[in-house]
Amino acid sequence: MRQLAILLAMLCLGASVAACNTVRGIGQDIERGGEIIQRTAK
């Protein structure tokens, strides 16, 4: 289960960085990725 969470985190991070155009956008995308990880871990 932990490996799945790590894999999802890496995918979210990669997608976030690819989709961001500004520093603010990067922060928002990382925050969303963290929220997804928290929901997955529950």
C-alpha atoms as a PDB file:
ATOM      1  CA  MET A   1       0.000   0.000   0.000  1.00  0.00           C
ATOM      2  CA  ARG A   2       2.848   2.359   0.826  1.00  0.00           C
ATOM      3  CA  GLN A   3       4.441   1.756  -2.562  1.00  0.00           C
ATOM      4  CA  LEU A   4       1.149   2.661  -4.245  1.00  0.00           C
ATOM      5  CA  ALA A   5       0.973   5.921  -2.285  1.00  0.00           C
ATOM      6  CA  ILE A   6       4.548   6.763  -3.267  1.00  0.00           C
ATOM      7  CA  LEU A   7       3.805   5.967  -6.900  1.00  0.00           C
ATOM      8  CA  LEU A   8       0.720   8.190  -6.845  1.00  0.00           C
ATOM      9  CA  ALA A   9       2.729  10.977  -5.230  1.00  0.00           C
ATOM     10  CA  MET A  10       5.389  10.777  -7.925  1.00  0.00           C
ATOM     11  CA  LEU A  11       2.770  10.793 -10.681  1.00  0.00           C
ATOM     12  CA  CYS A  12       1.017  13.787  -9.151  1.00  0.00           C
ATOM     13  CA  LEU A  13       4.289  15.638  -8.746  1.00  0.00           C
ATOM     14  CA  GLY A  14       5.269  14.953 -12.342  1.00  0.00           C
ATOM     15  CA  ALA A  15       1.889  16.074 -13.631  1.00  0.00           C
ATOM     16  CA  SER A  16       1.956  19.151 -11.410  1.00  0.00           C
ATOM     17  CA  VAL A  17       5.343  20.292 -12.609  1.00  0.00           C
ATOM     18  CA  ALA A  18       4.419  19.660 -16.233  1.00  0.00           C
ATOM     19  CA  ALA A  19       1.184  21.651 -15.944  1.00  0.00           C
ATOM     20  CA  CYS A  20       2.500  24.660 -13.997  1.00  0.00           C
ATOM     21  CA  ASN A  21       3.348  27.977 -15.599  1.00  0.00           C
ATOM     22  CA  THR A  22       4.141  30.048 -12.505  1.00  0.00           C
ATOM     23  CA  VAL A  23       5.703  29.639  -9.068  1.00  0.00           C
ATOM     24  CA  ARG A  24       2.268  30.144  -7.517  1.00  0.00           C
ATOM     25  CA  GLY A  25       0.899  27.390  -9.761  1.00  0.00           C
ATOM     26  CA  ILE A  26       3.621  24.997  -8.628  1.00  0.00           C
ATOM     27  CA  GLY A  27       2.697  25.598  -4.980  1.00  0.00           C
ATOM     28  CA  GLN A  28      -0.990  25.014  -5.644  1.00  0.00           C
ATOM     29  CA  ASP A  29      -0.319  21.830  -7.582  1.00  0.00           C
ATOM     30  CA  ILE A  30       1.972  20.459  -4.876  1.00  0.00           C
ATOM     31  CA  GLU A  31      -0.706  21.219  -2.295  1.00  0.00           C
ATOM     32  CA  ARG A  32      -3.297  19.320  -4.350  1.00  0.00           C
ATOM     33  CA  GLY A  33      -0.908  16.401  -4.672  1.00  0.00           C
ATOM     34  CA  GLY A  34      -0.472  16.355  -0.896  1.00  0.00           C
ATOM     35  CA  GLU A  35      -4.228  16.352  -0.387  1.00  0.00           C
ATOM     36  CA  ILE A  36      -4.566  13.370  -2.719  1.00  0.00           C
ATOM     37  CA  ILE A  37      -1.887  11.506  -0.784  1.00  0.00           C
ATOM     38  CA  GLN A  38      -3.646  12.257   2.506  1.00  0.00           C
ATOM     39  CA  ARG A  39      -6.952  10.941   1.159  1.00  0.00           C
ATOM     40  CA  THR A  40      -5.229   7.822  -0.176  1.00  0.00           C
ATOM     41  CA  ALA A  41      -3.523   7.161   3.157  1.00  0.00           C
ATOM     42  CA  LYS A  42      -6.791   7.251   5.144  1.00  0.00           C
END
